[in-house]
All heavy atoms as atom14 arrays in JSON, in Angstrom:
{
  "sequence": "TGAKVPLTGKHFLEIKLSPAAAHNEAGRSVYQGPRLLKIHLPKL",
  "atom14_mask": [
    [1, 1, 1, 1, 1, 1, 1, 0, 0, 0, 0, 0, 0, 0],
    [1, 1, 1, 1, 0, 0, 0, 0, 0, 0, 0, 0, 0, 0],
    [1, 1, 1, 1, 1, 0, 0, 0, 0, 0, 0, 0, 0, 0],
    [1, 1, 1, 1, 1, 1, 1, 1, 1, 0, 0, 0, 0, 0],
    [1, 1, 1, 1, 1, 1, 1, 0, 0, 0, 0, 0, 0, 0],
    [1, 1, 1, 1, 1, 1, 1, 0, 0, 0, 0, 0, 0, 0],
    [1, 1, 1, 1, 1, 1, 1, 1, 0, 0, 0, 0, 0, 0],
    [1, 1, 1, 1, 1, 1, 1, 0, 0, 0, 0, 0, 0, 0],
    [1, 1, 1, 1, 0, 0, 0, 0, 0, 0, 0, 0, 0, 0],
    [1, 1, 1, 1, 1, 1, 1, 1, 1, 0, 0, 0, 0, 0],
    [1, 1, 1, 1, 1, 1, 1, 1, 1, 1, 0, 0, 0, 0],
    [1, 1, 1, 1, 1, 1, 1, 1, 1, 1, 1, 0, 0, 0],
    [1, 1, 1, 1, 1, 1, 1, 1, 0, 0, 0, 0, 0, 0],
    [1, 1, 1, 1, 1, 1, 1, 1, 1, 0, 0, 0, 0, 0],
    [1, 1, 1, 1, 1, 1, 1, 1, 0, 0, 0, 0, 0, 0],
    [1, 1, 1, 1, 1, 1, 1, 1, 1, 0, 0, 0, 0, 0],
    [1, 1, 1, 1, 1, 1, 1, 1, 0, 0, 0, 0, 0, 0],
    [1, 1, 1, 1, 1, 1, 0, 0, 0, 0, 0, 0, 0, 0],
    [1, 1, 1, 1, 1, 1, 1, 0, 0, 0, 0, 0, 0, 0],
    [1, 1, 1, 1, 1, 0, 0, 0, 0, 0, 0, 0, 0, 0],
    [1, 1, 1, 1, 1, 0, 0, 0, 0, 0, 0, 0, 0, 0],
    [1, 1, 1, 1, 1, 0, 0, 0, 0, 0, 0, 0, 0, 0],
    [1, 1, 1, 1, 1, 1, 1, 1, 1, 1, 0, 0, 0, 0],
    [1, 1, 1, 1, 1, 1, 1, 1, 0, 0, 0, 0, 0, 0],
    [1, 1, 1, 1, 1, 1, 1, 1, 1, 0, 0, 0, 0, 0],
    [1, 1, 1, 1, 1, 0, 0, 0, 0, 0, 0, 0, 0, 0],
    [1, 1, 1, 1, 0, 0, 0, 0, 0, 0, 0, 0, 0, 0],
    [1, 1, 1, 1, 1, 1, 1, 1, 1, 1, 1, 0, 0, 0],
    [1, 1, 1, 1, 1, 1, 0, 0, 0, 0, 0, 0, 0, 0],
    [1, 1, 1, 1, 1, 1, 1, 0, 0, 0, 0, 0, 0, 0],
    [1, 1, 1, 1, 1, 1, 1, 1, 1, 1, 1, 1, 0, 0],
    [1, 1, 1, 1, 1, 1, 1, 1, 1, 0, 0, 0, 0, 0],
    [1, 1, 1, 1, 0, 0, 0, 0, 0, 0, 0, 0, 0, 0],
    [1, 1, 1, 1, 1, 1, 1, 0, 0, 0, 0, 0, 0, 0],
    [1, 1, 1, 1, 1, 1, 1, 1, 1, 1, 1, 0, 0, 0],
    [1, 1, 1, 1, 1, 1, 1, 1, 0, 0, 0, 0, 0, 0],
    [1, 1, 1, 1, 1, 1, 1, 1, 0, 0, 0, 0, 0, 0],
    [1, 1, 1, 1, 1, 1, 1, 1, 1, 0, 0, 0, 0, 0],
    [1, 1, 1, 1, 1, 1, 1, 1, 0, 0, 0, 0, 0, 0],
    [1, 1, 1, 1, 1, 1, 1, 1, 1, 1, 0, 0, 0, 0],
    [1, 1, 1, 1, 1, 1, 1, 1, 0, 0, 0, 0, 0, 0],
    [1, 1, 1, 1, 1, 1, 1, 0, 0, 0, 0, 0, 0, 0],
    [1, 1, 1, 1, 1, 1, 1, 1, 1, 0, 0, 0, 0, 0],
    [1, 1, 1, 1, 1, 1, 1, 1, 0, 0, 0, 0, 0, 0]
  ],
  "atom14_positions": [
    [[-18.68, 101.04, -53.15], [-18.53, 102.21, -52.28], [-17.95, 101.84, -50.92], [-17.32, 102.67, -50.27], [-19.88, 102.91, -52.03], [-20.72, 102.03, -51.29], [-20.54, 103.31, -53.34], [0.0, 0.0, 0.0], [0.0, 0.0, 0.0], [0.0, 0.0, 0.0], [0.0, 0.0, 0.0], [0.0, 0.0, 0.0], [0.0, 0.0, 0.0], [0.0, 0.0, 0.0]],
    [[-18.22, 100.63, -50.45], [-17.76, 100.23, -49.13], [-18.62, 100.75, -48.0], [-18.34, 100.51, -46.83], [0.0, 0.0, 0.0], [0.0, 0.0, 0.0], [0.0, 0.0, 0.0], [0.0, 0.0, 0.0], [0.0, 0.0, 0.0], [0.0, 0.0, 0.0], [0.0, 0.0, 0.0], [0.0, 0.0, 0.0], [0.0, 0.0, 0.0], [0.0, 0.0, 0.0]],
    [[-19.71, 101.47, -48.32], [-20.6, 101.99, -47.28], [-21.3, 100.83, -46.57], [-21.61, 99.81, -47.17], [-21.64, 102.92, -47.91], [0.0, 0.0, 0.0], [0.0, 0.0, 0.0], [0.0, 0.0, 0.0], [0.0, 0.0, 0.0], [0.0, 0.0, 0.0], [0.0, 0.0, 0.0], [0.0, 0.0, 0.0], [0.0, 0.0, 0.0], [0.0, 0.0, 0.0]],
    [[-21.53, 101.03, -45.28], [-22.19, 99.99, -44.48], [-23.66, 99.87, -44.86], [-24.36, 100.87, -45.04], [-22.06, 100.32, -43.0], [-22.53, 99.21, -42.1], [-22.22, 99.48, -40.66], [-22.73, 98.3, -39.83], [-22.5, 98.49, -38.41], [0.0, 0.0, 0.0], [0.0, 0.0, 0.0], [0.0, 0.0, 0.0], [0.0, 0.0, 0.0], [0.0, 0.0, 0.0]],
    [[-24.15, 98.63, -44.99], [-25.55, 98.36, -45.31], [-26.35, 98.52, -44.01], [-26.04, 97.88, -43.0], [-25.72, 96.94, -45.89], [-27.19, 96.63, -46.13], [-24.91, 96.78, -47.16], [0.0, 0.0, 0.0], [0.0, 0.0, 0.0], [0.0, 0.0, 0.0], [0.0, 0.0, 0.0], [0.0, 0.0, 0.0], [0.0, 0.0, 0.0], [0.0, 0.0, 0.0]],
    [[-27.4, 99.35, -44.0], [-28.14, 99.61, -42.76], [-29.17, 98.54, -42.4], [-30.37, 98.81, -42.32], [-28.8, 100.97, -43.05], [-29.02, 100.97, -44.52], [-27.86, 100.2, -45.1], [0.0, 0.0, 0.0], [0.0, 0.0, 0.0], [0.0, 0.0, 0.0], [0.0, 0.0, 0.0], [0.0, 0.0, 0.0], [0.0, 0.0, 0.0], [0.0, 0.0, 0.0]],
    [[-28.71, 97.31, -42.2], [-29.57, 96.24, -41.7], [-29.1, 95.88, -40.31], [-27.9, 95.71, -40.07], [-29.48, 95.0, -42.59], [-30.23, 95.04, -43.92], [-29.98, 93.75, -44.71], [-31.72, 95.25, -43.73], [0.0, 0.0, 0.0], [0.0, 0.0, 0.0], [0.0, 0.0, 0.0], [0.0, 0.0, 0.0], [0.0, 0.0, 0.0], [0.0, 0.0, 0.0]],
    [[-30.06, 95.75, -39.37], [-29.69, 95.38, -38.02], [-29.59, 93.87, -37.91], [-30.35, 93.14, -38.54], [-30.7, 95.91, -36.99], [-31.98, 95.39, -37.31], [-30.72, 97.43, -36.99], [0.0, 0.0, 0.0], [0.0, 0.0, 0.0], [0.0, 0.0, 0.0], [0.0, 0.0, 0.0], [0.0, 0.0, 0.0], [0.0, 0.0, 0.0], [0.0, 0.0, 0.0]],
    [[-28.64, 93.42, -37.14], [-28.43, 92.0, -36.9], [-27.09, 91.79, -36.24], [-26.25, 92.69, -36.2], [0.0, 0.0, 0.0], [0.0, 0.0, 0.0], [0.0, 0.0, 0.0], [0.0, 0.0, 0.0], [0.0, 0.0, 0.0], [0.0, 0.0, 0.0], [0.0, 0.0, 0.0], [0.0, 0.0, 0.0], [0.0, 0.0, 0.0], [0.0, 0.0, 0.0]],
    [[-26.89, 90.59, -35.73], [-25.61, 90.23, -35.11], [-24.82, 89.28, -36.01], [-23.63, 89.12, -35.84], [-25.86, 89.57, -33.76], [-26.45, 90.5, -32.73], [-26.65, 89.82, -31.41], [-27.26, 90.78, -30.41], [-27.54, 90.15, -29.13], [0.0, 0.0, 0.0], [0.0, 0.0, 0.0], [0.0, 0.0, 0.0], [0.0, 0.0, 0.0], [0.0, 0.0, 0.0]],
    [[-25.52, 88.67, -36.97], [-24.89, 87.72, -37.89], [-25.36, 88.05, -39.3], [-26.52, 88.43, -39.51], [-25.28, 86.28, -37.52], [-24.86, 85.91, -36.14], [-23.62, 85.4, -35.87], [-25.5, 86.0, -34.96], [-23.51, 85.18, -34.56], [-24.65, 85.54, -33.98], [0.0, 0.0, 0.0], [0.0, 0.0, 0.0], [0.0, 0.0, 0.0], [0.0, 0.0, 0.0]],
    [[-24.45, 87.88, -40.26], [-24.75, 88.24, -41.64], [-24.2, 87.19, -42.6], [-23.15, 86.59, -42.33], [-24.12, 89.6, -41.99], [-24.56, 90.7, -41.07], [-23.78, 91.07, -39.99], [-25.76, 91.36, -41.29], [-24.18, 92.08, -39.14], [-26.18, 92.37, -40.44], [-25.38, 92.73, -39.35], [0.0, 0.0, 0.0], [0.0, 0.0, 0.0], [0.0, 0.0, 0.0]],
    [[-24.91, 86.99, -43.69], [-24.43, 86.14, -44.77], [-24.29, 86.99, -46.03], [-25.16, 87.81, -46.33], [-25.4, 84.99, -45.06], [-25.51, 83.9, -44.01], [-26.56, 82.87, -44.44], [-24.18, 83.22, -43.78], [0.0, 0.0, 0.0], [0.0, 0.0, 0.0], [0.0, 0.0, 0.0], [0.0, 0.0, 0.0], [0.0, 0.0, 0.0], [0.0, 0.0, 0.0]],
    [[-23.19, 86.77, -46.74], [-22.95, 87.43, -48.02], [-23.15, 86.39, -49.12], [-22.57, 85.31, -49.06], [-21.52, 87.96, -48.04], [-21.12, 88.64, -49.31], [-19.67, 89.07, -49.24], [-18.79, 88.17, -49.35], [-19.41, 90.26, -49.05], [0.0, 0.0, 0.0], [0.0, 0.0, 0.0], [0.0, 0.0, 0.0], [0.0, 0.0, 0.0], [0.0, 0.0, 0.0]],
    [[-23.98, 86.72, -50.1], [-24.29, 85.82, -51.22], [-23.8, 86.5, -52.49], [-24.21, 87.62, -52.79], [-25.81, 85.55, -51.31], [-26.35, 85.05, -49.97], [-26.12, 84.59, -52.45], [-27.86, 85.18, -49.83], [0.0, 0.0, 0.0], [0.0, 0.0, 0.0], [0.0, 0.0, 0.0], [0.0, 0.0, 0.0], [0.0, 0.0, 0.0], [0.0, 0.0, 0.0]],
    [[-22.9, 85.83, -53.22], [-22.34, 86.41, -54.45], [-22.56, 85.49, -55.63], [-22.27, 84.3, -55.56], [-20.85, 86.68, -54.28], [-20.55, 87.83, -53.34], [-19.09, 88.22, -53.39], [-18.84, 89.4, -52.49], [-18.66, 90.64, -53.18], [0.0, 0.0, 0.0], [0.0, 0.0, 0.0], [0.0, 0.0, 0.0], [0.0, 0.0, 0.0], [0.0, 0.0, 0.0]],
    [[-23.06, 86.06, -56.73], [-23.23, 85.35, -57.99], [-22.27, 85.97, -58.99], [-22.29, 87.19, -59.2], [-24.66, 85.49, -58.51], [-25.77, 84.88, -57.65], [-26.24, 85.85, -56.59], [-26.93, 84.47, -58.52], [0.0, 0.0, 0.0], [0.0, 0.0, 0.0], [0.0, 0.0, 0.0], [0.0, 0.0, 0.0], [0.0, 0.0, 0.0], [0.0, 0.0, 0.0]],
    [[-21.4, 85.14, -59.59], [-20.41, 85.68, -60.53], [-19.94, 84.59, -61.49], [-19.64, 83.49, -61.05], [-19.22, 86.23, -59.75], [-18.26, 86.78, -60.61], [0.0, 0.0, 0.0], [0.0, 0.0, 0.0], [0.0, 0.0, 0.0], [0.0, 0.0, 0.0], [0.0, 0.0, 0.0], [0.0, 0.0, 0.0], [0.0, 0.0, 0.0], [0.0, 0.0, 0.0]],
    [[-19.9, 84.9, -62.79], [-20.22, 86.17, -63.44], [-21.72, 86.36, -63.58], [-22.44, 85.45, -63.98], [-19.54, 86.05, -64.8], [-19.55, 84.57, -65.09], [-19.42, 83.9, -63.75], [0.0, 0.0, 0.0], [0.0, 0.0, 0.0], [0.0, 0.0, 0.0], [0.0, 0.0, 0.0], [0.0, 0.0, 0.0], [0.0, 0.0, 0.0], [0.0, 0.0, 0.0]],
    [[-22.17, 87.55, -63.25], [-23.59, 87.89, -63.33], [-23.73, 89.41, -63.35], [-22.79, 90.14, -63.02], [-24.34, 87.31, -62.14], [0.0, 0.0, 0.0], [0.0, 0.0, 0.0], [0.0, 0.0, 0.0], [0.0, 0.0, 0.0], [0.0, 0.0, 0.0], [0.0, 0.0, 0.0], [0.0, 0.0, 0.0], [0.0, 0.0, 0.0], [0.0, 0.0, 0.0]],
    [[-24.92, 89.86, -63.71], [-25.24, 91.29, -63.71], [-26.7, 91.46, -63.35], [-27.51, 90.55, -63.54], [-24.96, 91.91, -65.08], [0.0, 0.0, 0.0], [0.0, 0.0, 0.0], [0.0, 0.0, 0.0], [0.0, 0.0, 0.0], [0.0, 0.0, 0.0], [0.0, 0.0, 0.0], [0.0, 0.0, 0.0], [0.0, 0.0, 0.0], [0.0, 0.0, 0.0]],
    [[-27.03, 92.63, -62.81], [-28.42, 92.96, -62.53], [-28.86, 94.11, -63.44], [-29.83, 94.8, -63.16], [-28.59, 93.35, -61.06], [0.0, 0.0, 0.0], [0.0, 0.0, 0.0], [0.0, 0.0, 0.0], [0.0, 0.0, 0.0], [0.0, 0.0, 0.0], [0.0, 0.0, 0.0], [0.0, 0.0, 0.0], [0.0, 0.0, 0.0], [0.0, 0.0, 0.0]],
    [[-28.13, 94.28, -64.53], [-28.45, 95.31, -65.52], [-28.2, 94.74, -66.91], [-27.44, 93.78, -67.08], [-27.59, 96.56, -65.31], [-26.12, 96.3, -65.43], [-25.36, 95.8, -64.39], [-25.28, 96.42, -66.48], [-24.11, 95.65, -64.79], [-24.03, 96.01, -66.05], [0.0, 0.0, 0.0], [0.0, 0.0, 0.0], [0.0, 0.0, 0.0], [0.0, 0.0, 0.0]],
    [[-28.85, 95.34, -67.92], [-28.69, 94.85, -69.29], [-27.5, 95.54, -69.96], [-26.81, 96.35, -69.33], [-29.98, 95.01, -70.09], [-30.42, 96.47, -70.23], [-29.64, 97.42, -70.06], [-31.69, 96.66, -70.54], [0.0, 0.0, 0.0], [0.0, 0.0, 0.0], [0.0, 0.0, 0.0], [0.0, 0.0, 0.0], [0.0, 0.0, 0.0], [0.0, 0.0, 0.0]],
    [[-27.29, 95.24, -71.24], [-26.15, 95.81, -71.96], [-26.23, 97.32, -72.09], [-25.21, 97.99, -72.23], [-26.03, 95.17, -73.35], [-25.59, 93.73, -73.29], [-25.51, 93.07, -74.65], [-25.7, 93.76, -75.67], [-25.26, 91.86, -74.69], [0.0, 0.0, 0.0], [0.0, 0.0, 0.0], [0.0, 0.0, 0.0], [0.0, 0.0, 0.0], [0.0, 0.0, 0.0]],
    [[-27.44, 97.88, -72.02], [-27.62, 99.34, -72.09], [-27.4, 100.0, -70.73], [-27.47, 101.21, -70.61], [-29.02, 99.67, -72.62], [0.0, 0.0, 0.0], [0.0, 0.0, 0.0], [0.0, 0.0, 0.0], [0.0, 0.0, 0.0], [0.0, 0.0, 0.0], [0.0, 0.0, 0.0], [0.0, 0.0, 0.0], [0.0, 0.0, 0.0], [0.0, 0.0, 0.0]],
    [[-27.15, 99.19, -69.69], [-26.91, 99.74, -68.36], [-28.15, 99.92, -67.52], [-28.08, 100.4, -66.39], [0.0, 0.0, 0.0], [0.0, 0.0, 0.0], [0.0, 0.0, 0.0], [0.0, 0.0, 0.0], [0.0, 0.0, 0.0], [0.0, 0.0, 0.0], [0.0, 0.0, 0.0], [0.0, 0.0, 0.0], [0.0, 0.0, 0.0], [0.0, 0.0, 0.0]],
    [[-29.32, 99.52, -68.03], [-30.57, 99.65, -67.28], [-30.79, 98.43, -66.37], [-30.55, 97.3, -66.78], [-31.75, 99.81, -68.22], [-31.82, 101.21, -68.83], [-33.02, 101.3, -69.71], [-32.71, 100.51, -70.9], [-32.77, 100.95, -72.14], [-33.18, 102.15, -72.38], [-32.45, 100.19, -73.15], [0.0, 0.0, 0.0], [0.0, 0.0, 0.0], [0.0, 0.0, 0.0]],
    [[-31.27, 98.69, -65.2], [-31.51, 97.62, -64.23], [-32.56, 96.65, -64.74], [-33.6, 97.06, -65.26], [-31.96, 98.21, -62.89], [-32.23, 97.17, -61.98], [0.0, 0.0, 0.0], [0.0, 0.0, 0.0], [0.0, 0.0, 0.0], [0.0, 0.0, 0.0], [0.0, 0.0, 0.0], [0.0, 0.0, 0.0], [0.0, 0.0, 0.0], [0.0, 0.0, 0.0]],
    [[-32.3, 95.34, -64.59], [-33.29, 94.31, -64.88], [-33.78, 93.68, -63.57], [-34.68, 92.85, -63.57], [-32.73, 93.21, -65.82], [-32.39, 93.79, -67.17], [-31.52, 92.51, -65.2], [0.0, 0.0, 0.0], [0.0, 0.0, 0.0], [0.0, 0.0, 0.0], [0.0, 0.0, 0.0], [0.0, 0.0, 0.0], [0.0, 0.0, 0.0], [0.0, 0.0, 0.0]],
    [[-33.17, 94.09, -62.47], [-33.51, 93.56, -61.15], [-34.8, 94.18, -60.65], [-34.93, 95.4, -60.58], [-32.36, 93.82, -60.17], [-32.63, 93.33, -58.78], [-32.61, 91.96, -58.51], [-32.92, 94.2, -57.76], [-32.87, 91.49, -57.24], [-33.17, 93.75, -56.48], [-33.16, 92.39, -56.23], [-33.41, 91.93, -54.97], [0.0, 0.0, 0.0], [0.0, 0.0, 0.0]],
    [[-35.79, 93.34, -60.28], [-37.1, 93.81, -59.85], [-37.36, 93.58, -58.36], [-38.44, 93.87, -57.87], [-38.19, 93.1, -60.66], [-38.08, 93.29, -62.15], [-38.26, 94.75, -62.56], [-39.19, 95.42, -62.11], [-37.37, 95.25, -63.39], [0.0, 0.0, 0.0], [0.0, 0.0, 0.0], [0.0, 0.0, 0.0], [0.0, 0.0, 0.0], [0.0, 0.0, 0.0]],
    [[-36.39, 93.03, -57.66], [-36.6, 92.67, -56.25], [-36.26, 93.78, -55.29], [-36.0, 94.92, -55.69], [0.0, 0.0, 0.0], [0.0, 0.0, 0.0], [0.0, 0.0, 0.0], [0.0, 0.0, 0.0], [0.0, 0.0, 0.0], [0.0, 0.0, 0.0], [0.0, 0.0, 0.0], [0.0, 0.0, 0.0], [0.0, 0.0, 0.0], [0.0, 0.0, 0.0]],
    [[-36.24, 93.45, -54.0], [-35.97, 94.45, -52.97], [-34.51, 94.89, -52.99], [-33.62, 94.1, -53.26], [-36.3, 93.71, -51.67], [-36.07, 92.28, -51.99], [-36.46, 92.12, -53.43], [0.0, 0.0, 0.0], [0.0, 0.0, 0.0], [0.0, 0.0, 0.0], [0.0, 0.0, 0.0], [0.0, 0.0, 0.0], [0.0, 0.0, 0.0], [0.0, 0.0, 0.0]],
    [[-34.3, 96.15, -52.7], [-32.93, 96.7, -52.6], [-32.47, 96.67, -51.15], [-31.31, 96.44, -50.87], [-32.88, 98.1, -53.15], [-33.39, 98.2, -54.56], [-32.33, 98.6, -55.5], [-32.83, 98.54, -56.86], [-32.1, 98.13, -57.86], [-30.87, 97.76, -57.66], [-32.59, 98.08, -59.06], [0.0, 0.0, 0.0], [0.0, 0.0, 0.0], [0.0, 0.0, 0.0]],
    [[-33.38, 96.96, -50.23], [-33.09, 96.96, -48.8], [-34.41, 96.76, -48.08], [-35.35, 97.54, -48.26], [-32.46, 98.3, -48.39], [-32.13, 98.46, -46.91], [-31.01, 97.49, -46.5], [-31.71, 99.89, -46.62], [0.0, 0.0, 0.0], [0.0, 0.0, 0.0], [0.0, 0.0, 0.0], [0.0, 0.0, 0.0], [0.0, 0.0, 0.0], [0.0, 0.0, 0.0]],
    [[-34.48, 95.69, -47.28], [-35.76, 95.35, -46.69], [-35.58, 94.69, -45.33], [-34.8, 93.74, -45.19], [-36.49, 94.37, -47.63], [-37.9, 94.0, -47.27], [-38.84, 95.19, -47.36], [-38.39, 92.91, -48.21], [0.0, 0.0, 0.0], [0.0, 0.0, 0.0], [0.0, 0.0, 0.0], [0.0, 0.0, 0.0], [0.0, 0.0, 0.0], [0.0, 0.0, 0.0]],
    [[-36.31, 95.22, -44.33], [-36.38, 94.54, -43.04], [-37.41, 93.44, -43.17], [-38.47, 93.63, -43.76], [-36.79, 95.51, -41.94], [-35.73, 96.5, -41.59], [-36.18, 97.39, -40.45], [-35.09, 98.39, -40.12], [-35.5, 99.27, -39.02], [0.0, 0.0, 0.0], [0.0, 0.0, 0.0], [0.0, 0.0, 0.0], [0.0, 0.0, 0.0], [0.0, 0.0, 0.0]],
    [[-37.1, 92.27, -42.6], [-37.99, 91.11, -42.69], [-38.2, 90.59, -41.27], [-37.27, 90.59, -40.46], [-37.37, 90.02, -43.6], [-37.18, 90.58, -45.01], [-38.23, 88.76, -43.62], [-36.4, 89.67, -45.94], [0.0, 0.0, 0.0], [0.0, 0.0, 0.0], [0.0, 0.0, 0.0], [0.0, 0.0, 0.0], [0.0, 0.0, 0.0], [0.0, 0.0, 0.0]],
    [[-39.4, 90.14, -40.97], [-39.73, 89.68, -39.62], [-40.11, 88.21, -39.64], [-41.25, 87.84, -39.36], [-40.86, 90.54, -39.04], [-40.51, 91.99, -39.02], [-39.64, 92.54, -38.11], [-40.9, 93.01, -39.82], [-39.51, 93.83, -38.35], [-40.27, 94.14, -39.39], [0.0, 0.0, 0.0], [0.0, 0.0, 0.0], [0.0, 0.0, 0.0], [0.0, 0.0, 0.0]],
    [[-39.15, 87.36, -39.97], [-39.33, 85.91, -39.94], [-38.58, 85.36, -38.74], [-37.79, 86.08, -38.12], [-38.82, 85.29, -41.25], [-39.64, 85.64, -42.51], [-38.96, 85.08, -43.76], [-41.06, 85.11, -42.4], [0.0, 0.0, 0.0], [0.0, 0.0, 0.0], [0.0, 0.0, 0.0], [0.0, 0.0, 0.0], [0.0, 0.0, 0.0], [0.0, 0.0, 0.0]],
    [[-38.78, 84.09, -38.4], [-38.1, 83.54, -37.23], [-36.57, 83.72, -37.26], [-35.97, 84.05, -36.24], [-38.48, 82.05, -37.26], [-39.82, 82.05, -37.91], [-39.75, 83.13, -38.95], [0.0, 0.0, 0.0], [0.0, 0.0, 0.0], [0.0, 0.0, 0.0], [0.0, 0.0, 0.0], [0.0, 0.0, 0.0], [0.0, 0.0, 0.0], [0.0, 0.0, 0.0]],
    [[-35.94, 83.53, -38.4], [-34.48, 83.69, -38.5], [-34.1, 84.9, -39.33], [-33.27, 85.71, -38.93], [-33.84, 82.44, -39.12], [-33.6, 81.33, -38.17], [-32.49, 81.66, -37.21], [-32.02, 80.43, -36.48], [-30.9, 80.7, -35.6], [0.0, 0.0, 0.0], [0.0, 0.0, 0.0], [0.0, 0.0, 0.0], [0.0, 0.0, 0.0], [0.0, 0.0, 0.0]],
    [[-34.66, 85.02, -40.54], [-34.27, 86.06, -41.48], [-34.84, 87.42, -41.05], [-36.05, 87.57, -40.9], [-34.77, 85.7, -42.88], [-34.43, 86.66, -44.01], [-32.91, 86.78, -44.2], [-35.09, 86.2, -45.3], [0.0, 0.0, 0.0], [0.0, 0.0, 0.0], [0.0, 0.0, 0.0], [0.0, 0.0, 0.0], [0.0, 0.0, 0.0], [0.0, 0.0, 0.0]]
  ]
}
């Protein structure tokens, strides 16, 4: 979509895994982790 991700910060890292998928052959998500999350660690 190209829509901006609503995370605040001055620096960002992009992590890409390829070839990979977060859904199965039927198109259902297999990903169980966070989709968008604010974190309060020293750096992250």
